[in-house]
N, C-alpha and C. Protein backbone atom coordinates (compact mmCIF):
# COMPACT_ATOMS: atom_id res chain seq x y z
N MET A 1 25.42 -44.09 43.35
CA MET A 1 26.67 -43.37 43.20
C MET A 1 27.76 -44.36 42.81
N ARG A 2 28.58 -43.97 41.87
CA ARG A 2 29.67 -44.83 41.40
C ARG A 2 31.00 -44.14 41.66
N VAL A 3 31.94 -44.89 42.23
CA VAL A 3 33.29 -44.38 42.49
C VAL A 3 34.27 -45.28 41.75
N GLU A 4 35.13 -44.68 40.94
CA GLU A 4 36.12 -45.45 40.20
C GLU A 4 37.52 -44.96 40.52
N GLN A 5 38.42 -45.92 40.76
CA GLN A 5 39.81 -45.58 41.03
C GLN A 5 40.67 -46.80 40.72
N ASP A 6 41.75 -46.59 40.01
CA ASP A 6 42.71 -47.65 39.68
C ASP A 6 42.03 -48.87 39.05
N GLY A 7 41.08 -48.65 38.18
CA GLY A 7 40.42 -49.74 37.48
C GLY A 7 39.39 -50.48 38.31
N VAL A 8 39.14 -50.03 39.53
CA VAL A 8 38.15 -50.65 40.39
C VAL A 8 36.94 -49.72 40.47
N SER A 9 35.77 -50.31 40.35
CA SER A 9 34.54 -49.52 40.39
C SER A 9 33.69 -49.99 41.55
N LEU A 10 33.30 -49.07 42.40
CA LEU A 10 32.39 -49.37 43.51
C LEU A 10 31.07 -48.68 43.23
N VAL A 11 29.99 -49.40 43.43
CA VAL A 11 28.66 -48.84 43.21
C VAL A 11 27.92 -48.94 44.53
N PHE A 12 27.47 -47.80 45.01
CA PHE A 12 26.75 -47.76 46.28
C PHE A 12 25.26 -47.79 46.02
N GLY A 13 24.52 -48.46 46.86
CA GLY A 13 23.08 -48.62 46.67
C GLY A 13 22.33 -48.22 47.91
N PRO A 14 21.15 -48.64 48.09
CA PRO A 14 20.52 -49.76 47.37
C PRO A 14 20.00 -49.34 46.00
N HIS A 15 19.91 -50.30 45.12
CA HIS A 15 19.43 -50.06 43.78
C HIS A 15 18.10 -50.79 43.59
N THR A 16 17.23 -50.19 42.84
CA THR A 16 15.93 -50.79 42.59
C THR A 16 15.67 -50.99 41.10
N ASP A 17 16.76 -51.04 40.32
CA ASP A 17 16.56 -51.32 38.91
C ASP A 17 16.26 -52.80 38.73
N GLU A 18 15.85 -53.18 37.53
CA GLU A 18 15.42 -54.55 37.27
C GLU A 18 16.53 -55.56 37.53
N ARG A 19 17.77 -55.21 37.19
CA ARG A 19 18.89 -56.13 37.42
C ARG A 19 19.09 -56.38 38.92
N ALA A 20 19.05 -55.33 39.73
CA ALA A 20 19.21 -55.48 41.18
C ALA A 20 18.08 -56.31 41.77
N LEU A 21 16.86 -56.06 41.29
CA LEU A 21 15.73 -56.86 41.77
C LEU A 21 15.89 -58.32 41.39
N GLY A 22 16.37 -58.57 40.19
CA GLY A 22 16.61 -59.95 39.75
C GLY A 22 17.65 -60.64 40.62
N HIS A 23 18.72 -59.95 40.95
CA HIS A 23 19.75 -60.52 41.83
C HIS A 23 19.17 -60.82 43.21
N ALA A 24 18.43 -59.89 43.75
CA ALA A 24 17.85 -60.08 45.08
C ALA A 24 16.86 -61.25 45.08
N TRP A 25 16.01 -61.30 44.07
CA TRP A 25 15.01 -62.36 44.00
C TRP A 25 15.69 -63.72 43.88
N PHE A 26 16.70 -63.81 43.01
CA PHE A 26 17.44 -65.06 42.82
C PHE A 26 18.05 -65.52 44.15
N SER A 27 18.69 -64.60 44.85
CA SER A 27 19.35 -64.94 46.11
C SER A 27 18.34 -65.38 47.16
N LEU A 28 17.25 -64.64 47.29
CA LEU A 28 16.23 -65.00 48.29
C LEU A 28 15.54 -66.31 47.94
N GLU A 29 15.31 -66.54 46.65
CA GLU A 29 14.68 -67.80 46.24
C GLU A 29 15.55 -68.99 46.63
N HIS A 30 16.84 -68.90 46.37
CA HIS A 30 17.72 -70.02 46.69
C HIS A 30 17.92 -70.17 48.19
N ALA A 31 17.95 -69.08 48.91
CA ALA A 31 18.02 -69.16 50.38
C ALA A 31 16.77 -69.85 50.91
N GLY A 32 15.62 -69.51 50.35
CA GLY A 32 14.37 -70.15 50.76
C GLY A 32 14.35 -71.63 50.45
N ARG A 33 14.87 -72.01 49.30
CA ARG A 33 14.91 -73.43 48.93
C ARG A 33 15.84 -74.21 49.85
N LEU A 34 16.97 -73.61 50.21
CA LEU A 34 17.87 -74.29 51.14
C LEU A 34 17.24 -74.43 52.52
N THR A 35 16.53 -73.40 52.95
CA THR A 35 15.83 -73.46 54.24
C THR A 35 14.76 -74.53 54.20
N GLU A 36 14.03 -74.59 53.12
CA GLU A 36 13.00 -75.63 52.96
C GLU A 36 13.62 -77.02 53.02
N PHE A 37 14.76 -77.19 52.40
CA PHE A 37 15.46 -78.48 52.41
C PHE A 37 15.84 -78.89 53.83
N VAL A 38 16.42 -77.96 54.57
CA VAL A 38 16.82 -78.25 55.95
C VAL A 38 15.60 -78.55 56.81
N MET A 39 14.54 -77.76 56.62
CA MET A 39 13.32 -78.00 57.38
C MET A 39 12.76 -79.39 57.09
N ALA A 40 12.82 -79.81 55.83
CA ALA A 40 12.34 -81.14 55.46
C ALA A 40 13.13 -82.23 56.17
N LEU A 41 14.45 -82.05 56.25
CA LEU A 41 15.27 -83.04 56.95
C LEU A 41 14.90 -83.14 58.43
N VAL A 42 14.72 -82.00 59.07
CA VAL A 42 14.36 -81.99 60.49
C VAL A 42 12.96 -82.55 60.69
N ILE A 43 12.02 -82.14 59.84
CA ILE A 43 10.64 -82.62 59.98
C ILE A 43 10.55 -84.12 59.72
N ASP A 44 11.33 -84.63 58.77
CA ASP A 44 11.34 -86.08 58.54
C ASP A 44 11.74 -86.84 59.80
N GLU A 45 12.65 -86.28 60.55
CA GLU A 45 13.15 -86.94 61.75
C GLU A 45 12.25 -86.70 62.96
N PHE A 46 11.80 -85.48 63.13
CA PHE A 46 11.12 -85.11 64.37
C PHE A 46 9.70 -84.57 64.18
N GLY A 47 9.25 -84.43 62.95
CA GLY A 47 8.00 -83.74 62.69
C GLY A 47 6.75 -84.57 62.92
N THR A 48 5.66 -83.86 62.85
CA THR A 48 4.33 -84.47 62.95
C THR A 48 3.65 -84.35 61.60
N ASP A 49 2.49 -84.98 61.48
CA ASP A 49 1.73 -84.86 60.24
C ASP A 49 1.35 -83.40 59.98
N GLU A 50 1.08 -82.66 61.04
CA GLU A 50 0.72 -81.25 60.90
C GLU A 50 1.89 -80.43 60.34
N THR A 51 3.09 -80.66 60.86
CA THR A 51 4.25 -79.90 60.36
C THR A 51 4.59 -80.29 58.93
N ARG A 52 4.40 -81.57 58.60
CA ARG A 52 4.63 -82.00 57.21
C ARG A 52 3.66 -81.32 56.26
N ALA A 53 2.41 -81.20 56.67
CA ALA A 53 1.40 -80.54 55.84
C ALA A 53 1.74 -79.06 55.66
N LYS A 54 2.18 -78.41 56.72
CA LYS A 54 2.55 -77.00 56.62
C LYS A 54 3.75 -76.81 55.70
N LEU A 55 4.71 -77.74 55.75
CA LEU A 55 5.86 -77.65 54.85
C LEU A 55 5.42 -77.82 53.41
N ARG A 56 4.46 -78.70 53.14
CA ARG A 56 3.95 -78.87 51.77
C ARG A 56 3.31 -77.57 51.28
N VAL A 57 2.59 -76.88 52.16
CA VAL A 57 1.98 -75.59 51.79
C VAL A 57 3.08 -74.58 51.45
N LEU A 58 4.11 -74.52 52.28
CA LEU A 58 5.22 -73.60 52.01
C LEU A 58 5.94 -73.95 50.72
N ALA A 59 6.11 -75.24 50.45
CA ALA A 59 6.76 -75.67 49.21
C ALA A 59 5.93 -75.25 48.00
N GLY A 60 4.60 -75.34 48.12
CA GLY A 60 3.72 -74.90 47.04
C GLY A 60 3.84 -73.40 46.80
N GLU A 61 3.95 -72.63 47.88
CA GLU A 61 4.11 -71.18 47.76
C GLU A 61 5.45 -70.85 47.10
N ASN A 62 6.48 -71.60 47.48
CA ASN A 62 7.80 -71.40 46.88
C ASN A 62 7.74 -71.66 45.36
N ALA A 63 7.04 -72.72 44.97
CA ALA A 63 6.90 -73.04 43.54
C ALA A 63 6.13 -71.93 42.82
N ARG A 64 5.10 -71.38 43.47
CA ARG A 64 4.32 -70.30 42.86
C ARG A 64 5.20 -69.05 42.65
N LEU A 65 5.99 -68.72 43.66
CA LEU A 65 6.88 -67.56 43.55
C LEU A 65 7.96 -67.79 42.48
N ARG A 66 8.43 -69.03 42.37
CA ARG A 66 9.41 -69.34 41.32
C ARG A 66 8.81 -69.08 39.94
N GLY A 67 7.56 -69.46 39.76
CA GLY A 67 6.89 -69.21 38.49
C GLY A 67 6.80 -67.73 38.17
N ILE A 68 6.49 -66.92 39.18
CA ILE A 68 6.43 -65.48 38.99
C ILE A 68 7.80 -64.94 38.60
N ALA A 69 8.84 -65.44 39.28
CA ALA A 69 10.20 -64.98 38.97
C ALA A 69 10.60 -65.34 37.55
N ILE A 70 10.26 -66.54 37.10
CA ILE A 70 10.60 -66.97 35.74
C ILE A 70 9.89 -66.08 34.72
N GLU A 71 8.61 -65.76 35.00
CA GLU A 71 7.88 -64.87 34.08
C GLU A 71 8.54 -63.50 34.00
N ARG A 72 9.00 -63.00 35.14
CA ARG A 72 9.55 -61.64 35.17
C ARG A 72 11.00 -61.56 34.71
N PHE A 73 11.84 -62.50 35.17
CA PHE A 73 13.28 -62.39 34.96
C PHE A 73 13.84 -63.44 34.00
N GLY A 74 13.09 -64.45 33.64
CA GLY A 74 13.59 -65.54 32.81
C GLY A 74 14.26 -66.61 33.67
N ARG A 75 14.84 -67.59 33.01
CA ARG A 75 15.42 -68.73 33.71
C ARG A 75 16.94 -68.62 33.90
N ASP A 76 17.56 -67.59 33.34
CA ASP A 76 19.02 -67.49 33.41
C ASP A 76 19.49 -67.08 34.79
N ASN A 77 20.65 -67.61 35.18
CA ASN A 77 21.31 -67.21 36.43
C ASN A 77 21.77 -65.76 36.26
N PRO A 78 21.28 -64.83 37.08
CA PRO A 78 21.66 -63.43 36.90
C PRO A 78 23.12 -63.14 37.24
N PHE A 79 23.78 -64.07 37.92
CA PHE A 79 25.16 -63.87 38.29
C PHE A 79 26.15 -64.46 37.28
N ASN A 80 25.63 -65.09 36.24
CA ASN A 80 26.46 -65.66 35.20
C ASN A 80 27.00 -64.53 34.33
N GLU A 81 28.30 -64.36 34.32
CA GLU A 81 28.93 -63.24 33.61
C GLU A 81 28.73 -63.33 32.09
N SER A 82 28.54 -64.53 31.55
CA SER A 82 28.41 -64.66 30.10
C SER A 82 27.00 -64.34 29.62
N ALA A 83 26.07 -64.18 30.56
CA ALA A 83 24.67 -63.91 30.15
C ALA A 83 24.49 -62.46 29.77
């Protein structure tokens, strides 16, 4: 549903079109990468060989999902207004 008033447009969702999915995937991917980064810092300081190995597995999964996202949505930032 779209509501417009005084030059302002509000769009209510949730939306499942390709653009909305691209935005969600982009946001979740970057949130995951930041979480991975923080986990790596903590594991470097306090981790064990087992936790380091598990983080490597998660990093590999993150890379695999990134590849899927690039195939589906391309490499462009979906929030870039000029795109």
